[in-house]
Amino acid sequence: SLLEISDYQLRYHLYIYPRDKAYTTFQIPK
């Protein structure tokens, strides 16, 4: 409610949506 989204949306993106697809990961050379 504070973030102005539904509880389902929050649950979906935290617990249902595959975690390996939640982020795009890449590397930058130092």
Full PDB file with SEQRES, HELIX, SHEET, SSBOND, CRYST1, ORIGX, SCALE, CONECT and MASTER records, all heavy atoms in Angstrom:
SEQRES   1 A   30  SER LEU LEU GLU ILE SER ASP TYR GLN LEU ARG TYR HIS          
SEQRES   2 A   30  LEU TYR ILE TYR PRO ARG ASP LYS ALA TYR THR THR PHE          
SEQRES   3 A   30  GLN ILE PRO LYS                                              
HELIX    1 AA1 ASP A    7  ARG A   11  1                                   5    
HELIX    2 AA2 TYR A   12  ILE A   16  3                                   5    
HELIX    3 AA3 ARG A   19  LYS A   21  5                                   3    
CRYST1    1.000    1.000    1.000  90.00  90.00  90.00 P 1           1          
ORIGX1      1.000000  0.000000  0.000000        0.00000                         
ORIGX2      0.000000  1.000000  0.000000        0.00000                         
ORIGX3      0.000000  0.000000  1.000000        0.00000                         
SCALE1      1.000000  0.000000  0.000000        0.00000                         
SCALE2      0.000000  1.000000  0.000000        0.00000                         
SCALE3      0.000000  0.000000  1.000000        0.00000                         
ATOM      1  N   SER A   1       0.827  -1.208   0.000  1.00  0.00           N  
ATOM      2  CA  SER A   1       0.000   0.000   0.000  1.00  0.00           C  
ATOM      3  C   SER A   1       0.859   1.255   0.000  1.00  0.00           C  
ATOM      4  O   SER A   1       0.577   2.221  -0.715  1.00  0.00           O  
ATOM      5  CB  SER A   1      -0.926  -0.005   1.224  1.00  0.00           C  
ATOM      6  OG  SER A   1      -1.668   1.199   1.294  1.00  0.00           O  
ATOM      7  N   LEU A   2       1.936   1.250   0.795  1.00  0.00           N  
ATOM      8  CA  LEU A   2       2.844   2.390   0.856  1.00  0.00           C  
ATOM      9  C   LEU A   2       3.502   2.634  -0.499  1.00  0.00           C  
ATOM     10  O   LEU A   2       3.674   3.791  -0.919  1.00  0.00           O  
ATOM     11  CB  LEU A   2       3.923   2.141   1.914  1.00  0.00           C  
ATOM     12  CG  LEU A   2       5.022   3.194   2.054  1.00  0.00           C  
ATOM     13  CD1 LEU A   2       4.442   4.540   2.486  1.00  0.00           C  
ATOM     14  CD2 LEU A   2       6.086   2.733   3.035  1.00  0.00           C  
ATOM     15  N   LEU A   3       3.835   1.556  -1.208  1.00  0.00           N  
ATOM     16  CA  LEU A   3       4.486   1.661  -2.513  1.00  0.00           C  
ATOM     17  C   LEU A   3       3.475   1.828  -3.647  1.00  0.00           C  
ATOM     18  O   LEU A   3       3.854   1.877  -4.821  1.00  0.00           O  
ATOM     19  CB  LEU A   3       5.361   0.431  -2.764  1.00  0.00           C  
ATOM     20  CG  LEU A   3       6.482   0.187  -1.743  1.00  0.00           C  
ATOM     21  CD1 LEU A   3       7.285  -1.059  -2.108  1.00  0.00           C  
ATOM     22  CD2 LEU A   3       7.399   1.392  -1.638  1.00  0.00           C  
ATOM     23  N   GLU A   4       2.191   1.866  -3.285  1.00  0.00           N  
ATOM     24  CA  GLU A   4       1.092   2.099  -4.234  1.00  0.00           C  
ATOM     25  C   GLU A   4       1.051   1.042  -5.334  1.00  0.00           C  
ATOM     26  O   GLU A   4       0.921   1.330  -6.525  1.00  0.00           O  
ATOM     27  CB  GLU A   4       1.172   3.520  -4.806  1.00  0.00           C  
ATOM     28  CG  GLU A   4       1.023   4.587  -3.722  1.00  0.00           C  
ATOM     29  CD  GLU A   4       1.219   6.013  -4.223  1.00  0.00           C  
ATOM     30  OE1 GLU A   4       1.434   6.214  -5.429  1.00  0.00           O  
ATOM     31  OE2 GLU A   4       1.158   6.936  -3.382  1.00  0.00           O  
ATOM     32  N   ILE A   5       1.194  -0.221  -4.889  1.00  0.00           N  
ATOM     33  CA  ILE A   5       1.016  -1.374  -5.762  1.00  0.00           C  
ATOM     34  C   ILE A   5       0.144  -2.376  -5.013  1.00  0.00           C  
ATOM     35  O   ILE A   5      -0.105  -2.234  -3.808  1.00  0.00           O  
ATOM     36  CB  ILE A   5       2.364  -2.038  -6.139  1.00  0.00           C  
ATOM     37  CG1 ILE A   5       3.113  -2.495  -4.875  1.00  0.00           C  
ATOM     38  CG2 ILE A   5       3.223  -1.090  -6.967  1.00  0.00           C  
ATOM     39  CD1 ILE A   5       4.407  -3.249  -5.159  1.00  0.00           C  
ATOM     40  N   SER A   6      -0.331  -3.401  -5.716  1.00  0.00           N  
ATOM     41  CA  SER A   6      -1.149  -4.415  -5.049  1.00  0.00           C  
ATOM     42  C   SER A   6      -0.259  -5.407  -4.308  1.00  0.00           C  
ATOM     43  O   SER A   6       0.921  -5.568  -4.645  1.00  0.00           O  
ATOM     44  CB  SER A   6      -2.005  -5.161  -6.075  1.00  0.00           C  
ATOM     45  OG  SER A   6      -1.183  -5.976  -6.905  1.00  0.00           O  
ATOM     46  N   ASP A   7      -0.847  -6.078  -3.323  1.00  0.00           N  
ATOM     47  CA  ASP A   7      -0.096  -7.082  -2.588  1.00  0.00           C  
ATOM     48  C   ASP A   7       0.307  -8.214  -3.522  1.00  0.00           C  
ATOM     49  O   ASP A   7       1.395  -8.782  -3.392  1.00  0.00           O  
ATOM     50  CB  ASP A   7      -0.937  -7.625  -1.425  1.00  0.00           C  
ATOM     51  CG  ASP A   7      -0.187  -8.649  -0.586  1.00  0.00           C  
ATOM     52  OD1 ASP A   7       0.969  -8.366  -0.213  1.00  0.00           O  
ATOM     53  OD2 ASP A   7      -0.743  -9.740  -0.336  1.00  0.00           O  
ATOM     54  N   TYR A   8      -0.552  -8.528  -4.486  1.00  0.00           N  
ATOM     55  CA  TYR A   8      -0.227  -9.584  -5.447  1.00  0.00           C  
ATOM     56  C   TYR A   8       0.996  -9.201  -6.273  1.00  0.00           C  
ATOM     57  O   TYR A   8       1.880 -10.041  -6.504  1.00  0.00           O  
ATOM     58  CB  TYR A   8      -1.410  -9.860  -6.387  1.00  0.00           C  
ATOM     59  CG  TYR A   8      -1.035 -10.814  -7.496  1.00  0.00           C  
ATOM     60  CD1 TYR A   8      -0.926 -12.187  -7.253  1.00  0.00           C  
ATOM     61  CD2 TYR A   8      -0.747 -10.342  -8.776  1.00  0.00           C  
ATOM     62  CE1 TYR A   8      -0.540 -13.073  -8.254  1.00  0.00           C  
ATOM     63  CE2 TYR A   8      -0.359 -11.217  -9.792  1.00  0.00           C  
ATOM     64  CZ  TYR A   8      -0.256 -12.575  -9.526  1.00  0.00           C  
ATOM     65  OH  TYR A   8       0.130 -13.434 -10.521  1.00  0.00           O  
ATOM     66  N   GLN A   9       1.051  -7.954  -6.736  1.00  0.00           N  
ATOM     67  CA  GLN A   9       2.217  -7.511  -7.514  1.00  0.00           C  
ATOM     68  C   GLN A   9       3.505  -7.650  -6.709  1.00  0.00           C  
ATOM     69  O   GLN A   9       4.528  -8.099  -7.227  1.00  0.00           O  
ATOM     70  CB  GLN A   9       2.032  -6.050  -7.950  1.00  0.00           C  
ATOM     71  CG  GLN A   9       1.015  -5.861  -9.056  1.00  0.00           C  
ATOM     72  CD  GLN A   9       0.785  -4.399  -9.368  1.00  0.00           C  
ATOM     73  OE1 GLN A   9       0.615  -3.587  -8.456  1.00  0.00           O  
ATOM     74  NE2 GLN A   9       0.764  -4.057 -10.646  1.00  0.00           N  
ATOM     75  N   LEU A  10       3.457  -7.271  -5.434  1.00  0.00           N  
ATOM     76  CA  LEU A  10       4.642  -7.374  -4.584  1.00  0.00           C  
ATOM     77  C   LEU A  10       5.031  -8.836  -4.388  1.00  0.00           C  
ATOM     78  O   LEU A  10       6.200  -9.205  -4.522  1.00  0.00           O  
ATOM     79  CB  LEU A  10       4.374  -6.705  -3.229  1.00  0.00           C  
ATOM     80  CG  LEU A  10       5.557  -6.674  -2.251  1.00  0.00           C  
ATOM     81  CD1 LEU A  10       6.764  -5.981  -2.881  1.00  0.00           C  
ATOM     82  CD2 LEU A  10       5.155  -5.966  -0.957  1.00  0.00           C  
ATOM     83  N   ARG A  11       4.044  -9.694  -4.088  1.00  0.00           N  
ATOM     84  CA  ARG A  11       4.312 -11.121  -3.886  1.00  0.00           C  
ATOM     85  C   ARG A  11       4.855 -11.766  -5.159  1.00  0.00           C  
ATOM     86  O   ARG A  11       5.778 -12.580  -5.116  1.00  0.00           O  
ATOM     87  CB  ARG A  11       3.038 -11.848  -3.441  1.00  0.00           C  
ATOM     88  CG  ARG A  11       2.674 -11.618  -1.978  1.00  0.00           C  
ATOM     89  CD  ARG A  11       1.542 -12.531  -1.525  1.00  0.00           C  
ATOM     90  NE  ARG A  11       0.275 -12.210  -2.186  1.00  0.00           N  
ATOM     91  CZ  ARG A  11      -0.332 -12.971  -3.080  1.00  0.00           C  
ATOM     92  NH1 ARG A  11       0.214 -14.127  -3.454  1.00  0.00           N  
ATOM     93  NH2 ARG A  11      -1.476 -12.608  -3.615  1.00  0.00           N  
ATOM     94  N   TYR A  12       4.274 -11.379  -6.292  1.00  0.00           N  
ATOM     95  CA  TYR A  12       4.680 -11.977  -7.568  1.00  0.00           C  
ATOM     96  C   TYR A  12       6.154 -11.696  -7.866  1.00  0.00           C  
ATOM     97  O   TYR A  12       6.911 -12.610  -8.215  1.00  0.00           O  
ATOM     98  CB  TYR A  12       3.805 -11.440  -8.704  1.00  0.00           C  
ATOM     99  CG  TYR A  12       4.198 -11.972 -10.067  1.00  0.00           C  
ATOM    100  CD1 TYR A  12       3.810 -13.245 -10.466  1.00  0.00           C  
ATOM    101  CD2 TYR A  12       4.974 -11.206 -10.941  1.00  0.00           C  
ATOM    102  CE1 TYR A  12       4.183 -13.753 -11.707  1.00  0.00           C  
ATOM    103  CE2 TYR A  12       5.362 -11.701 -12.175  1.00  0.00           C  
ATOM    104  CZ  TYR A  12       4.948 -12.971 -12.557  1.00  0.00           C  
ATOM    105  OH  TYR A  12       5.333 -13.474 -13.777  1.00  0.00           O  
ATOM    106  N   HIS A  13       6.551 -10.444  -7.703  1.00  0.00           N  
ATOM    107  CA  HIS A  13       7.915 -10.071  -8.072  1.00  0.00           C  
ATOM    108  C   HIS A  13       8.953 -10.474  -7.022  1.00  0.00           C  
ATOM    109  O   HIS A  13      10.147 -10.547  -7.329  1.00  0.00           O  
ATOM    110  CB  HIS A  13       7.991  -8.570  -8.358  1.00  0.00           C  
ATOM    111  CG  HIS A  13       7.252  -8.185  -9.611  1.00  0.00           C  
ATOM    112  ND1 HIS A  13       7.672  -8.566 -10.855  1.00  0.00           N  
ATOM    113  CD2 HIS A  13       6.096  -7.486  -9.790  1.00  0.00           C  
ATOM    114  CE1 HIS A  13       6.829  -8.107 -11.767  1.00  0.00           C  
ATOM    115  NE2 HIS A  13       5.873  -7.456 -11.148  1.00  0.00           N  
ATOM    116  N   LEU A  14       8.502 -10.780  -5.810  1.00  0.00           N  
ATOM    117  CA  LEU A  14       9.434 -11.242  -4.785  1.00  0.00           C  
ATOM    118  C   LEU A  14       9.526 -12.763  -4.702  1.00  0.00           C  
ATOM    119  O   LEU A  14      10.604 -13.313  -4.462  1.00  0.00           O  
ATOM    120  CB  LEU A  14       9.031 -10.690  -3.411  1.00  0.00           C  
ATOM    121  CG  LEU A  14       9.250  -9.199  -3.154  1.00  0.00           C  
ATOM    122  CD1 LEU A  14       8.901  -8.859  -1.709  1.00  0.00           C  
ATOM    123  CD2 LEU A  14      10.690  -8.790  -3.450  1.00  0.00           C  
ATOM    124  N   TYR A  15       8.394 -13.448  -4.912  1.00  0.00           N  
ATOM    125  CA  TYR A  15       8.360 -14.885  -4.611  1.00  0.00           C  
ATOM    126  C   TYR A  15       7.962 -15.799  -5.780  1.00  0.00           C  
ATOM    127  O   TYR A  15       8.220 -16.993  -5.731  1.00  0.00           O  
ATOM    128  CB  TYR A  15       7.402 -15.156  -3.447  1.00  0.00           C  
ATOM    129  CG  TYR A  15       7.612 -14.235  -2.267  1.00  0.00           C  
ATOM    130  CD1 TYR A  15       6.586 -13.443  -1.770  1.00  0.00           C  
ATOM    131  CD2 TYR A  15       8.862 -14.144  -1.654  1.00  0.00           C  
ATOM    132  CE1 TYR A  15       6.784 -12.587  -0.698  1.00  0.00           C  
ATOM    133  CE2 TYR A  15       9.074 -13.299  -0.582  1.00  0.00           C  
ATOM    134  CZ  TYR A  15       8.022 -12.518  -0.103  1.00  0.00           C  
ATOM    135  OH  TYR A  15       8.229 -11.671   0.961  1.00  0.00           O  
ATOM    136  N   ILE A  16       7.337 -15.239  -6.828  1.00  0.00           N  
ATOM    137  CA  ILE A  16       6.844 -16.075  -7.915  1.00  0.00           C  
ATOM    138  C   ILE A  16       7.693 -15.935  -9.177  1.00  0.00           C  
ATOM    139  O   ILE A  16       8.096 -16.925  -9.784  1.00  0.00           O  
ATOM    140  CB  ILE A  16       5.360 -15.743  -8.237  1.00  0.00           C  
ATOM    141  CG1 ILE A  16       4.491 -15.968  -6.994  1.00  0.00           C  
ATOM    142  CG2 ILE A  16       4.870 -16.583  -9.411  1.00  0.00           C  
ATOM    143  CD1 ILE A  16       3.044 -15.536  -7.154  1.00  0.00           C  
ATOM    144  N   TYR A  17       7.990 -14.696  -9.551  1.00  0.00           N  
ATOM    145  CA  TYR A  17       8.794 -14.456 -10.754  1.00  0.00           C  
ATOM    146  C   TYR A  17      10.170 -15.107 -10.582  1.00  0.00           C  
ATOM    147  O   TYR A  17      10.802 -14.954  -9.530  1.00  0.00           O  
ATOM    148  CB  TYR A  17       8.952 -12.952 -10.983  1.00  0.00           C  
ATOM    149  CG  TYR A  17       9.518 -12.595 -12.341  1.00  0.00           C  
ATOM    150  CD1 TYR A  17       8.689 -12.497 -13.455  1.00  0.00           C  
ATOM    151  CD2 TYR A  17      10.887 -12.361 -12.502  1.00  0.00           C  
ATOM    152  CE1 TYR A  17       9.203 -12.167 -14.705  1.00  0.00           C  
ATOM    153  CE2 TYR A  17      11.409 -12.046 -13.748  1.00  0.00           C  
ATOM    154  CZ  TYR A  17      10.565 -11.948 -14.845  1.00  0.00           C  
ATOM    155  OH  TYR A  17      11.082 -11.638 -16.074  1.00  0.00           O  
ATOM    156  N   PRO A  18      10.644 -15.854 -11.567  1.00  0.00           N  
ATOM    157  CA  PRO A  18      11.930 -16.576 -11.428  1.00  0.00           C  
ATOM    158  C   PRO A  18      13.079 -15.636 -11.062  1.00  0.00           C  
ATOM    159  O   PRO A  18      13.315 -14.637 -11.738  1.00  0.00           O  
ATOM    160  CB  PRO A  18      12.141 -17.171 -12.830  1.00  0.00           C  
ATOM    161  CG  PRO A  18      10.766 -17.276 -13.412  1.00  0.00           C  
ATOM    162  CD  PRO A  18      10.010 -16.095 -12.871  1.00  0.00           C  
ATOM    163  N   ARG A  19      13.795 -15.973 -10.011  1.00  0.00           N  
ATOM    164  CA  ARG A  19      14.854 -15.096  -9.518  1.00  0.00           C  
ATOM    165  C   ARG A  19      16.011 -14.976 -10.521  1.00  0.00           C  
ATOM    166  O   ARG A  19      16.695 -13.954 -10.567  1.00  0.00           O  
ATOM    167  CB  ARG A  19      15.403 -15.616  -8.185  1.00  0.00           C  
ATOM    168  CG  ARG A  19      14.380 -15.663  -7.064  1.00  0.00           C  
ATOM    169  CD  ARG A  19      13.622 -14.358  -6.890  1.00  0.00           C  
ATOM    170  NE  ARG A  19      14.483 -13.256  -6.478  1.00  0.00           N  
ATOM    171  CZ  ARG A  19      14.094 -11.982  -6.435  1.00  0.00           C  
ATOM    172  NH1 ARG A  19      12.874 -11.644  -6.851  1.00  0.00           N  
ATOM    173  NH2 ARG A  19      14.922 -11.041  -6.037  1.00  0.00           N  
ATOM    174  N   ASP A  20      16.230 -16.021 -11.321  1.00  0.00           N  
ATOM    175  CA  ASP A  20      17.319 -15.951 -12.284  1.00  0.00           C  
ATOM    176  C   ASP A  20      16.995 -15.040 -13.468  1.00  0.00           C  
ATOM    177  O   ASP A  20      17.878 -14.715 -14.267  1.00  0.00           O  
ATOM    178  CB  ASP A  20      17.680 -17.356 -12.791  1.00  0.00           C  
ATOM    179  CG  ASP A  20      16.500 -18.053 -13.466  1.00  0.00           C  
ATOM    180  OD1 ASP A  20      15.340 -17.682 -13.178  1.00  0.00           O  
ATOM    181  OD2 ASP A  20      16.741 -18.963 -14.279  1.00  0.00           O  
ATOM    182  N   LYS A  21      15.717 -14.631 -13.568  1.00  0.00           N  
ATOM    183  CA  LYS A  21      15.321 -13.708 -14.626  1.00  0.00           C  
ATOM    184  C   LYS A  21      15.039 -12.301 -14.090  1.00  0.00           C  
ATOM    185  O   LYS A  21      14.738 -11.392 -14.861  1.00  0.00           O  
ATOM    186  CB  LYS A  21      14.071 -14.230 -15.342  1.00  0.00           C  
ATOM    187  CG  LYS A  21      14.289 -15.548 -16.078  1.00  0.00           C  
ATOM    188  CD  LYS A  21      13.016 -15.988 -16.780  1.00  0.00           C  
ATOM    189  CE  LYS A  21      13.226 -17.315 -17.516  1.00  0.00           C  
ATOM    190  NZ  LYS A  21      11.992 -17.773 -18.191  1.00  0.00           N  
ATOM    191  N   ALA A  22      15.123 -12.149 -12.776  1.00  0.00           N  
ATOM    192  CA  ALA A  22      14.762 -10.865 -12.150  1.00  0.00           C  
ATOM    193  C   ALA A  22      15.800  -9.780 -12.409  1.00  0.00           C  
ATOM    194  O   ALA A  22      15.499  -8.587 -12.325  1.00  0.00           O  
ATOM    195  CB  ALA A  22      14.568 -11.051 -10.649  1.00  0.00           C  
ATOM    196  N   TYR A  23      17.027 -10.189 -12.701  1.00  0.00           N  
ATOM    197  CA  TYR A  23      18.119  -9.232 -12.914  1.00  0.00           C  
ATOM    198  C   TYR A  23      18.884  -9.557 -14.198  1.00  0.00           C  
ATOM    199  O   TYR A  23      19.001 -10.728 -14.579  1.00  0.00           O  
ATOM    200  CB  TYR A  23      19.103  -9.252 -11.742  1.00  0.00           C  
ATOM    201  CG  TYR A  23      18.600  -8.597 -10.481  1.00  0.00           C  
ATOM    202  CD1 TYR A  23      17.728  -9.265  -9.626  1.00  0.00           C  
ATOM    203  CD2 TYR A  23      19.009  -7.308 -10.117  1.00  0.00           C  
ATOM    204  CE1 TYR A  23      17.269  -8.676  -8.452  1.00  0.00           C  
ATOM    205  CE2 TYR A  23      18.561  -6.718  -8.951  1.00  0.00           C  
ATOM    206  CZ  TYR A  23      17.688  -7.395  -8.127  1.00  0.00           C  
ATOM    207  OH  TYR A  23      17.241  -6.808  -6.976  1.00  0.00           O  
ATOM    208  N   THR A  24      19.403  -8.516 -14.819  1.00  0.00           N  
ATOM    209  CA  THR A  24      20.379  -8.677 -15.896  1.00  0.00           C  
ATOM    210  C   THR A  24      21.750  -8.398 -15.302  1.00  0.00           C  
ATOM    211  O   THR A  24      21.992  -7.322 -14.774  1.00  0.00           O  
ATOM    212  CB  THR A  24      20.109  -7.692 -17.054  1.00  0.00           C  
ATOM    213  OG1 THR A  24      18.821  -7.950 -17.604  1.00  0.00           O  
ATOM    214  CG2 THR A  24      21.172  -7.829 -18.139  1.00  0.00           C  
ATOM    215  N   THR A  25      22.637  -9.384 -15.373  1.00  0.00           N  
ATOM    216  CA  THR A  25      23.950  -9.256 -14.745  1.00  0.00           C  
ATOM    217  C   THR A  25      25.057  -9.240 -15.800  1.00  0.00           C  
ATOM    218  O   THR A  25      25.023 -10.021 -16.753  1.00  0.00           O  
ATOM    219  CB  THR A  25      24.193 -10.419 -13.759  1.00  0.00           C  
ATOM    220  OG1 THR A  25      23.191 -10.372 -12.728  1.00  0.00           O  
ATOM    221  CG2 THR A  25      25.568 -10.311 -13.111  1.00  0.00           C  
ATOM    222  N   PHE A  26      25.986  -8.298 -15.632  1.00  0.00           N  
ATOM    223  CA  PHE A  26      27.133  -8.224 -16.533  1.00  0.00           C  
ATOM    224  C   PHE A  26      28.330  -7.706 -15.750  1.00  0.00           C  
ATOM    225  O   PHE A  26      28.198  -7.283 -14.599  1.00  0.00           O  
ATOM    226  CB  PHE A  26      26.837  -7.303 -17.729  1.00  0.00           C  
ATOM    227  CG  PHE A  26      26.319  -5.938 -17.351  1.00  0.00           C  
ATOM    228  CD1 PHE A  26      27.185  -4.888 -17.105  1.00  0.00           C  
ATOM    229  CD2 PHE A  26      24.955  -5.713 -17.248  1.00  0.00           C  
ATOM    230  CE1 PHE A  26      26.711  -3.637 -16.756  1.00  0.00           C  
ATOM    231  CE2 PHE A  26      24.464  -4.457 -16.895  1.00  0.00           C  
ATOM    232  CZ  PHE A  26      25.344  -3.424 -16.654  1.00  0.00           C  
ATOM    233  N   GLN A  27      29.496  -7.758 -16.358  1.00  0.00           N  
ATOM    234  CA  GLN A  27      30.730  -7.352 -15.681  1.00  0.00           C  
ATOM    235  C   GLN A  27      31.421  -6.216 -16.421  1.00  0.00           C  
ATOM    236  O   GLN A  27      31.397  -6.150 -17.645  1.00  0.00           O  
ATOM    237  CB  GLN A  27      31.685  -8.543 -15.544  1.00  0.00           C  
ATOM    238  CG  GLN A  27      31.185  -9.625 -14.599  1.00  0.00           C  
ATOM    239  CD  GLN A  27      32.194 -10.725 -14.410  1.00  0.00           C  
ATOM    240  OE1 GLN A  27      32.854 -11.165 -15.342  1.00  0.00           O  
ATOM    241  NE2 GLN A  27      32.328 -11.202 -13.168  1.00  0.00           N  
ATOM    242  N   ILE A  28      32.031  -5.325 -15.640  1.00  0.00           N  
ATOM    243  CA  ILE A  28      32.807  -4.214 -16.187  1.00  0.00           C  
ATOM    244  C   ILE A  28      34.248  -4.384 -15.732  1.00  0.00           C  
ATOM    245  O   ILE A  28      34.514  -4.546 -14.539  1.00  0.00           O  
ATOM    246  CB  ILE A  28      32.277  -2.856 -15.682  1.00  0.00           C  
ATOM    247  CG1 ILE A  28      30.814  -2.671 -16.070  1.00  0.00           C  
ATOM    248  CG2 ILE A  28      33.115  -1.711 -16.225  1.00  0.00           C  
ATOM    249  CD1 ILE A  28      30.211  -1.393 -15.517  1.00  0.00           C  
ATOM    250  N   PRO A  29      35.196  -4.351 -16.660  1.00  0.00           N  
ATOM    251  CA  PRO A  29      36.608  -4.472 -16.262  1.00  0.00           C  
ATOM    252  C   PRO A  29      37.059  -3.282 -15.423  1.00  0.00           C  
ATOM    253  O   PRO A  29      36.697  -2.142 -15.703  1.00  0.00           O  
ATOM    254  CB  PRO A  29      37.350  -4.505 -17.604  1.00  0.00           C  
ATOM    255  CG  PRO A  29      36.322  -4.846 -18.624  1.00  0.00           C  
ATOM    256  CD  PRO A  29      35.038  -4.275 -18.110  1.00  0.00           C  
ATOM    257  N   LYS A  30      37.829  -3.544 -14.366  1.00  0.00           N  
ATOM    258  CA  LYS A  30      38.447  -2.484 -13.564  1.00  0.00           C  
ATOM    259  C   LYS A  30      39.853  -2.219 -14.092  1.00  0.00           C  
ATOM    260  O   LYS A  30      40.403  -3.008 -14.858  1.00  0.00           O  
ATOM    261  CB  LYS A  30      38.529  -2.914 -12.089  1.00  0.00           C  
ATOM    262  CG  LYS A  30      37.200  -3.162 -11.416  1.00  0.00           C  
ATOM    263  CD  LYS A  30      37.439  -3.560  -9.957  1.00  0.00           C  
ATOM    264  CE  LYS A  30      36.158  -3.861  -9.222  1.00  0.00           C  
ATOM    265  NZ  LYS A  30      36.394  -4.252  -7.808  1.00  0.00           N  
TER     266      LYS A  30                                                      
MASTER        0    0    0    3    0    0    0    6  265    1    0    3          
END                                                                             
